[in-house]
Amino acid sequence: APLEQRLAQLVRRLHTPVVLEDGRTV
């Protein structure tokens, strides 16, 4: 349970949109 919570937190932190130079978000 604690491991699942930590991994879910990691996934949320890694799931970050990237803004490209032309302004598009990926």
PDB file of all heavy atoms in Angstrom:
ATOM      1  N   ALA A   1       0.826  -1.217   0.000  1.00  0.00           N
ATOM      2  CA  ALA A   1       0.000   0.000   0.000  1.00  0.00           C
ATOM      3  C   ALA A   1       0.861   1.267   0.000  1.00  0.00           C
ATOM      4  O   ALA A   1       0.659   2.147  -0.844  1.00  0.00           O
ATOM      5  CB  ALA A   1      -0.991  -0.008   1.147  1.00  0.00           C
ATOM      6  N   PRO A   2       1.821   1.408   0.920  1.00  0.00           N
ATOM      7  CA  PRO A   2       2.677   2.600   0.868  1.00  0.00           C
ATOM      8  C   PRO A   2       3.495   2.661  -0.432  1.00  0.00           C
ATOM      9  O   PRO A   2       3.698   3.740  -0.991  1.00  0.00           O
ATOM     10  CB  PRO A   2       3.595   2.466   2.078  1.00  0.00           C
ATOM     11  CG  PRO A   2       2.860   1.569   3.015  1.00  0.00           C
ATOM     12  CD  PRO A   2       2.086   0.629   2.139  1.00  0.00           C
ATOM     13  N   LEU A   3       3.952   1.513  -0.920  1.00  0.00           N
ATOM     14  CA  LEU A   3       4.708   1.483  -2.163  1.00  0.00           C
ATOM     15  C   LEU A   3       3.834   1.944  -3.327  1.00  0.00           C
ATOM     16  O   LEU A   3       4.268   2.736  -4.159  1.00  0.00           O
ATOM     17  CB  LEU A   3       5.270   0.092  -2.432  1.00  0.00           C
ATOM     18  CG  LEU A   3       6.044  -0.085  -3.740  1.00  0.00           C
ATOM     19  CD1 LEU A   3       7.231   0.867  -3.811  1.00  0.00           C
ATOM     20  CD2 LEU A   3       6.494  -1.523  -3.892  1.00  0.00           C
ATOM     21  N   GLU A   4       2.602   1.461  -3.372  1.00  0.00           N
ATOM     22  CA  GLU A   4       1.685   1.877  -4.430  1.00  0.00           C
ATOM     23  C   GLU A   4       1.454   3.376  -4.385  1.00  0.00           C
ATOM     24  O   GLU A   4       1.413   4.033  -5.423  1.00  0.00           O
ATOM     25  CB  GLU A   4       0.353   1.133  -4.311  1.00  0.00           C
ATOM     26  CG  GLU A   4       0.460  -0.323  -4.692  1.00  0.00           C
ATOM     27  CD  GLU A   4      -0.798  -1.116  -4.377  1.00  0.00           C
ATOM     28  OE1 GLU A   4      -1.690  -0.602  -3.667  1.00  0.00           O
ATOM     29  OE2 GLU A   4      -0.876  -2.253  -4.846  1.00  0.00           O
ATOM     30  N   GLN A   5       1.327   3.937  -3.188  1.00  0.00           N
ATOM     31  CA  GLN A   5       1.143   5.385  -3.046  1.00  0.00           C
ATOM     32  C   GLN A   5       2.363   6.144  -3.544  1.00  0.00           C
ATOM     33  O   GLN A   5       2.231   7.153  -4.252  1.00  0.00           O
ATOM     34  CB  GLN A   5       0.841   5.746  -1.594  1.00  0.00           C
ATOM     35  CG  GLN A   5      -0.502   5.244  -1.117  1.00  0.00           C
ATOM     36  CD  GLN A   5      -0.687   5.447   0.377  1.00  0.00           C
ATOM     37  OE1 GLN A   5       0.255   5.780   1.110  1.00  0.00           O
ATOM     38  NE2 GLN A   5      -1.900   5.229   0.846  1.00  0.00           N
ATOM     39  N   ARG A   6       3.557   5.677  -3.186  1.00  0.00           N
ATOM     40  CA  ARG A   6       4.791   6.346  -3.628  1.00  0.00           C
ATOM     41  C   ARG A   6       4.950   6.275  -5.140  1.00  0.00           C
ATOM     42  O   ARG A   6       5.347   7.239  -5.786  1.00  0.00           O
ATOM     43  CB  ARG A   6       6.018   5.709  -2.956  1.00  0.00           C
ATOM     44  CG  ARG A   6       6.078   5.793  -1.450  1.00  0.00           C
ATOM     45  CD  ARG A   6       6.479   7.157  -0.917  1.00  0.00           C
ATOM     46  NE  ARG A   6       7.690   7.688  -1.452  1.00  0.00           N
ATOM     47  CZ  ARG A   6       8.906   7.566  -0.928  1.00  0.00           C
ATOM     48  NH1 ARG A   6       9.078   6.879   0.170  1.00  0.00           N
ATOM     49  NH2 ARG A   6       9.930   8.123  -1.501  1.00  0.00           N
ATOM     50  N   LEU A   7       4.631   5.105  -5.719  1.00  0.00           N
ATOM     51  CA  LEU A   7       4.741   4.954  -7.173  1.00  0.00           C
ATOM     52  C   LEU A   7       3.714   5.816  -7.892  1.00  0.00           C
ATOM     53  O   LEU A   7       4.016   6.425  -8.925  1.00  0.00           O
ATOM     54  CB  LEU A   7       4.598   3.492  -7.567  1.00  0.00           C
ATOM     55  CG  LEU A   7       5.741   2.578  -7.118  1.00  0.00           C
ATOM     56  CD1 LEU A   7       5.405   1.125  -7.430  1.00  0.00           C
ATOM     57  CD2 LEU A   7       7.050   2.983  -7.747  1.00  0.00           C
ATOM     58  N   ALA A   8       2.492   5.895  -7.366  1.00  0.00           N
ATOM     59  CA  ALA A   8       1.470   6.753  -7.958  1.00  0.00           C
ATOM     60  C   ALA A   8       1.918   8.210  -7.919  1.00  0.00           C
ATOM     61  O   ALA A   8       1.723   8.962  -8.880  1.00  0.00           O
ATOM     62  CB  ALA A   8       0.135   6.577  -7.248  1.00  0.00           C
ATOM     63  N   GLN A   9       2.538   8.612  -6.823  1.00  0.00           N
ATOM     64  CA  GLN A   9       3.059   9.971  -6.701  1.00  0.00           C
ATOM     65  C   GLN A   9       4.158  10.209  -7.739  1.00  0.00           C
ATOM     66  O   GLN A   9       4.201  11.261  -8.379  1.00  0.00           O
ATOM     67  CB  GLN A   9       3.603  10.202  -5.294  1.00  0.00           C
ATOM     68  CG  GLN A   9       4.175  11.581  -5.067  1.00  0.00           C
ATOM     69  CD  GLN A   9       4.760  11.731  -3.672  1.00  0.00           C
ATOM     70  OE1 GLN A   9       5.312  10.773  -3.110  1.00  0.00           O
ATOM     71  NE2 GLN A   9       4.633  12.906  -3.114  1.00  0.00           N
ATOM     72  N   LEU A  10       5.022   9.242  -7.932  1.00  0.00           N
ATOM     73  CA  LEU A  10       6.088   9.357  -8.924  1.00  0.00           C
ATOM     74  C   LEU A  10       5.503   9.518 -10.326  1.00  0.00           C
ATOM     75  O   LEU A  10       5.938  10.376 -11.097  1.00  0.00           O
ATOM     76  CB  LEU A  10       7.002   8.139  -8.866  1.00  0.00           C
ATOM     77  CG  LEU A  10       8.119   8.069  -9.901  1.00  0.00           C
ATOM     78  CD1 LEU A  10       9.075   9.247  -9.765  1.00  0.00           C
ATOM     79  CD2 LEU A  10       8.858   6.748  -9.777  1.00  0.00           C
ATOM     80  N   VAL A  11       4.504   8.715 -10.663  1.00  0.00           N
ATOM     81  CA  VAL A  11       3.866   8.810 -11.981  1.00  0.00           C
ATOM     82  C   VAL A  11       3.256  10.194 -12.175  1.00  0.00           C
ATOM     83  O   VAL A  11       3.402  10.809 -13.233  1.00  0.00           O
ATOM     84  CB  VAL A  11       2.815   7.699 -12.172  1.00  0.00           C
ATOM     85  CG1 VAL A  11       1.960   7.950 -13.411  1.00  0.00           C
ATOM     86  CG2 VAL A  11       3.498   6.346 -12.279  1.00  0.00           C
ATOM     87  N   ARG A  12       2.581  10.703 -11.138  1.00  0.00           N
ATOM     88  CA  ARG A  12       1.985  12.052 -11.246  1.00  0.00           C
ATOM     89  C   ARG A  12       3.060  13.108 -11.476  1.00  0.00           C
ATOM     90  O   ARG A  12       2.896  14.012 -12.291  1.00  0.00           O
ATOM     91  CB  ARG A  12       1.186  12.387  -9.989  1.00  0.00           C
ATOM     92  CG  ARG A  12      -0.170  11.720  -9.923  1.00  0.00           C
ATOM     93  CD  ARG A  12      -1.040  12.300  -8.813  1.00  0.00           C
ATOM     94  NE  ARG A  12      -0.419  12.263  -7.498  1.00  0.00           N
ATOM     95  CZ  ARG A  12      -0.448  11.224  -6.665  1.00  0.00           C
ATOM     96  NH1 ARG A  12      -1.074  10.119  -7.017  1.00  0.00           N
ATOM     97  NH2 ARG A  12       0.138  11.287  -5.482  1.00  0.00           N
ATOM     98  N   ARG A  13       4.177  12.994 -10.776  1.00  0.00           N
ATOM     99  CA  ARG A  13       5.254  13.986 -10.932  1.00  0.00           C
ATOM    100  C   ARG A  13       5.925  13.896 -12.305  1.00  0.00           C
ATOM    101  O   ARG A  13       6.333  14.901 -12.869  1.00  0.00           O
ATOM    102  CB  ARG A  13       6.295  13.820  -9.838  1.00  0.00           C
ATOM    103  CG  ARG A  13       5.795  14.310  -8.518  1.00  0.00           C
ATOM    104  CD  ARG A  13       6.857  14.222  -7.476  1.00  0.00           C
ATOM    105  NE  ARG A  13       6.342  14.755  -6.236  1.00  0.00           N
ATOM    106  CZ  ARG A  13       7.109  15.121  -5.240  1.00  0.00           C
ATOM    107  NH1 ARG A  13       8.404  15.026  -5.326  1.00  0.00           N
ATOM    108  NH2 ARG A  13       6.562  15.589  -4.136  1.00  0.00           N
ATOM    109  N   LEU A  14       6.046  12.684 -12.813  1.00  0.00           N
ATOM    110  CA  LEU A  14       6.671  12.511 -14.125  1.00  0.00           C
ATOM    111  C   LEU A  14       5.739  12.897 -15.264  1.00  0.00           C
ATOM    112  O   LEU A  14       6.197  13.240 -16.345  1.00  0.00           O
ATOM    113  CB  LEU A  14       7.125  11.060 -14.300  1.00  0.00           C
ATOM    114  CG  LEU A  14       8.271  10.608 -13.425  1.00  0.00           C
ATOM    115  CD1 LEU A  14       8.495   9.107 -13.581  1.00  0.00           C
ATOM    116  CD2 LEU A  14       9.540  11.373 -13.750  1.00  0.00           C
ATOM    117  N   HIS A  15       4.431  12.825 -15.026  1.00  0.00           N
ATOM    118  CA  HIS A  15       3.441  13.142 -16.054  1.00  0.00           C
ATOM    119  C   HIS A  15       3.260  14.660 -16.119  1.00  0.00           C
ATOM    120  O   HIS A  15       2.295  15.206 -15.633  1.00  0.00           O
ATOM    121  CB  HIS A  15       2.121  12.464 -15.728  1.00  0.00           C
ATOM    122  CG  HIS A  15       1.132  12.556 -16.843  1.00  0.00           C
ATOM    123  ND1 HIS A  15       0.223  11.586 -17.072  1.00  0.00           N
ATOM    124  CD2 HIS A  15       0.912  13.484 -17.796  1.00  0.00           C
ATOM    125  CE1 HIS A  15      -0.538  11.908 -18.104  1.00  0.00           C
ATOM    126  NE2 HIS A  15      -0.133  13.063 -18.551  1.00  0.00           N
ATOM    127  N   THR A  16       4.225  15.311 -16.699  1.00  0.00           N
ATOM    128  CA  THR A  16       4.235  16.765 -16.782  1.00  0.00           C
ATOM    129  C   THR A  16       4.225  17.189 -18.242  1.00  0.00           C
ATOM    130  O   THR A  16       5.083  16.768 -19.014  1.00  0.00           O
ATOM    131  CB  THR A  16       5.508  17.326 -16.102  1.00  0.00           C
ATOM    132  OG1 THR A  16       5.551  16.838 -14.762  1.00  0.00           O
ATOM    133  CG2 THR A  16       5.511  18.831 -16.109  1.00  0.00           C
ATOM    134  N   PRO A  17       3.244  18.015 -18.640  1.00  0.00           N
ATOM    135  CA  PRO A  17       3.236  18.493 -20.023  1.00  0.00           C
ATOM    136  C   PRO A  17       4.509  19.287 -20.336  1.00  0.00           C
ATOM    137  O   PRO A  17       5.051  19.987 -19.482  1.00  0.00           O
ATOM    138  CB  PRO A  17       2.006  19.405 -20.083  1.00  0.00           C
ATOM    139  CG  PRO A  17       1.160  18.985 -18.929  1.00  0.00           C
ATOM    140  CD  PRO A  17       2.115  18.506 -17.871  1.00  0.00           C
ATOM    141  N   VAL A  18       4.971  19.153 -21.564  1.00  0.00           N
ATOM    142  CA  VAL A  18       6.167  19.860 -22.021  1.00  0.00           C
ATOM    143  C   VAL A  18       5.724  20.918 -23.016  1.00  0.00           C
ATOM    144  O   VAL A  18       4.993  20.626 -23.965  1.00  0.00           O
ATOM    145  CB  VAL A  18       7.158  18.880 -22.689  1.00  0.00           C
ATOM    146  CG1 VAL A  18       8.336  19.627 -23.280  1.00  0.00           C
ATOM    147  CG2 VAL A  18       7.623  17.834 -21.689  1.00  0.00           C
ATOM    148  N   VAL A  19       6.162  22.160 -22.815  1.00  0.00           N
ATOM    149  CA  VAL A  19       5.835  23.243 -23.735  1.00  0.00           C
ATOM    150  C   VAL A  19       6.986  23.393 -24.721  1.00  0.00           C
ATOM    151  O   VAL A  19       8.135  23.609 -24.328  1.00  0.00           O
ATOM    152  CB  VAL A  19       5.589  24.564 -22.976  1.00  0.00           C
ATOM    153  CG1 VAL A  19       5.283  25.686 -23.960  1.00  0.00           C
ATOM    154  CG2 VAL A  19       4.466  24.404 -21.962  1.00  0.00           C
ATOM    155  N   LEU A  20       6.672  23.236 -25.999  1.00  0.00           N
ATOM    156  CA  LEU A  20       7.680  23.344 -27.052  1.00  0.00           C
ATOM    157  C   LEU A  20       7.972  24.806 -27.366  1.00  0.00           C
ATOM    158  O   LEU A  20       7.224  25.704 -26.966  1.00  0.00           O
ATOM    159  CB  LEU A  20       7.188  22.615 -28.314  1.00  0.00           C
ATOM    160  CG  LEU A  20       6.836  21.141 -28.129  1.00  0.00           C
ATOM    161  CD1 LEU A  20       6.295  20.567 -29.431  1.00  0.00           C
ATOM    162  CD2 LEU A  20       8.051  20.347 -27.662  1.00  0.00           C
ATOM    163  N   GLU A  21       9.055  25.053 -28.094  1.00  0.00           N
ATOM    164  CA  GLU A  21       9.447  26.416 -28.431  1.00  0.00           C
ATOM    165  C   GLU A  21       8.373  27.173 -29.193  1.00  0.00           C
ATOM    166  O   GLU A  21       8.256  28.385 -29.069  1.00  0.00           O
ATOM    167  CB  GLU A  21      10.748  26.402 -29.245  1.00  0.00           C
ATOM    168  CG  GLU A  21      11.953  25.987 -28.436  1.00  0.00           C
ATOM    169  CD  GLU A  21      13.227  25.965 -29.269  1.00  0.00           C
ATOM    170  OE1 GLU A  21      13.202  26.397 -30.427  1.00  0.00           O
ATOM    171  OE2 GLU A  21      14.244  25.500 -28.744  1.00  0.00           O
ATOM    172  N   ASP A  22       7.571  26.455 -29.993  1.00  0.00           N
ATOM    173  CA  ASP A  22       6.524  27.124 -30.773  1.00  0.00           C
ATOM    174  C   ASP A  22       5.239  27.312 -29.974  1.00  0.00           C
ATOM    175  O   ASP A  22       4.221  27.748 -30.506  1.00  0.00           O
ATOM    176  CB  ASP A  22       6.240  26.373 -32.065  1.00  0.00           C
ATOM    177  CG  ASP A  22       5.682  24.969 -31.841  1.00  0.00           C
ATOM    178  OD1 ASP A  22       5.427  24.606 -30.682  1.00  0.00           O
ATOM    179  OD2 ASP A  22       5.508  24.252 -32.836  1.00  0.00           O
ATOM    180  N   GLY A  23       5.246  26.990 -28.672  1.00  0.00           N
ATOM    181  CA  GLY A  23       4.094  27.202 -27.813  1.00  0.00           C
ATOM    182  C   GLY A  23       3.169  26.009 -27.683  1.00  0.00           C
ATOM    183  O   GLY A  23       2.287  26.000 -26.823  1.00  0.00           O
ATOM    184  N   ARG A  24       3.347  24.998 -28.536  1.00  0.00           N
ATOM    185  CA  ARG A  24       2.506  23.798 -28.416  1.00  0.00           C
ATOM    186  C   ARG A  24       2.870  23.042 -27.144  1.00  0.00           C
ATOM    187  O   ARG A  24       4.014  23.045 -26.722  1.00  0.00           O
ATOM    188  CB  ARG A  24       2.690  22.876 -29.612  1.00  0.00           C
ATOM    189  CG  ARG A  24       2.130  23.428 -30.895  1.00  0.00           C
ATOM    190  CD  ARG A  24       2.310  22.446 -32.029  1.00  0.00           C
ATOM    191  NE  ARG A  24       3.748  22.285 -32.270  1.00  0.00           N
ATOM    192  CZ  ARG A  24       4.312  21.190 -32.768  1.00  0.00           C
ATOM    193  NH1 ARG A  24       3.587  20.158 -33.104  1.00  0.00           N
ATOM    194  NH2 ARG A  24       5.615  21.126 -32.953  1.00  0.00           N
ATOM    195  N   THR A  25       1.872  22.407 -26.572  1.00  0.00           N
ATOM    196  CA  THR A  25       2.080  21.598 -25.376  1.00  0.00           C
ATOM    197  C   THR A  25       1.943  20.129 -25.749  1.00  0.00           C
ATOM    198  O   THR A  25       0.988  19.744 -26.419  1.00  0.00           O
ATOM    199  CB  THR A  25       1.055  21.956 -24.287  1.00  0.00           C
ATOM    200  OG1 THR A  25       1.196  23.339 -23.967  1.00  0.00           O
ATOM    201  CG2 THR A  25       1.266  21.128 -23.034  1.00  0.00           C
ATOM    202  N   VAL A  26       2.897  19.346 -25.319  1.00  0.00           N
ATOM    203  CA  VAL A  26       2.895  17.913 -25.584  1.00  0.00           C
ATOM    204  C   VAL A  26       2.713  17.196 -24.247  1.00  0.00           C
ATOM    205  O   VAL A  26       3.449  17.458 -23.291  1.00  0.00           O
ATOM    206  CB  VAL A  26       4.219  17.467 -26.257  1.00  0.00           C
ATOM    207  CG1 VAL A  26       4.222  15.972 -26.487  1.00  0.00           C
ATOM    208  CG2 VAL A  26       4.447  18.227 -27.548  1.00  0.00           C
TER     209      VAL A  26
END
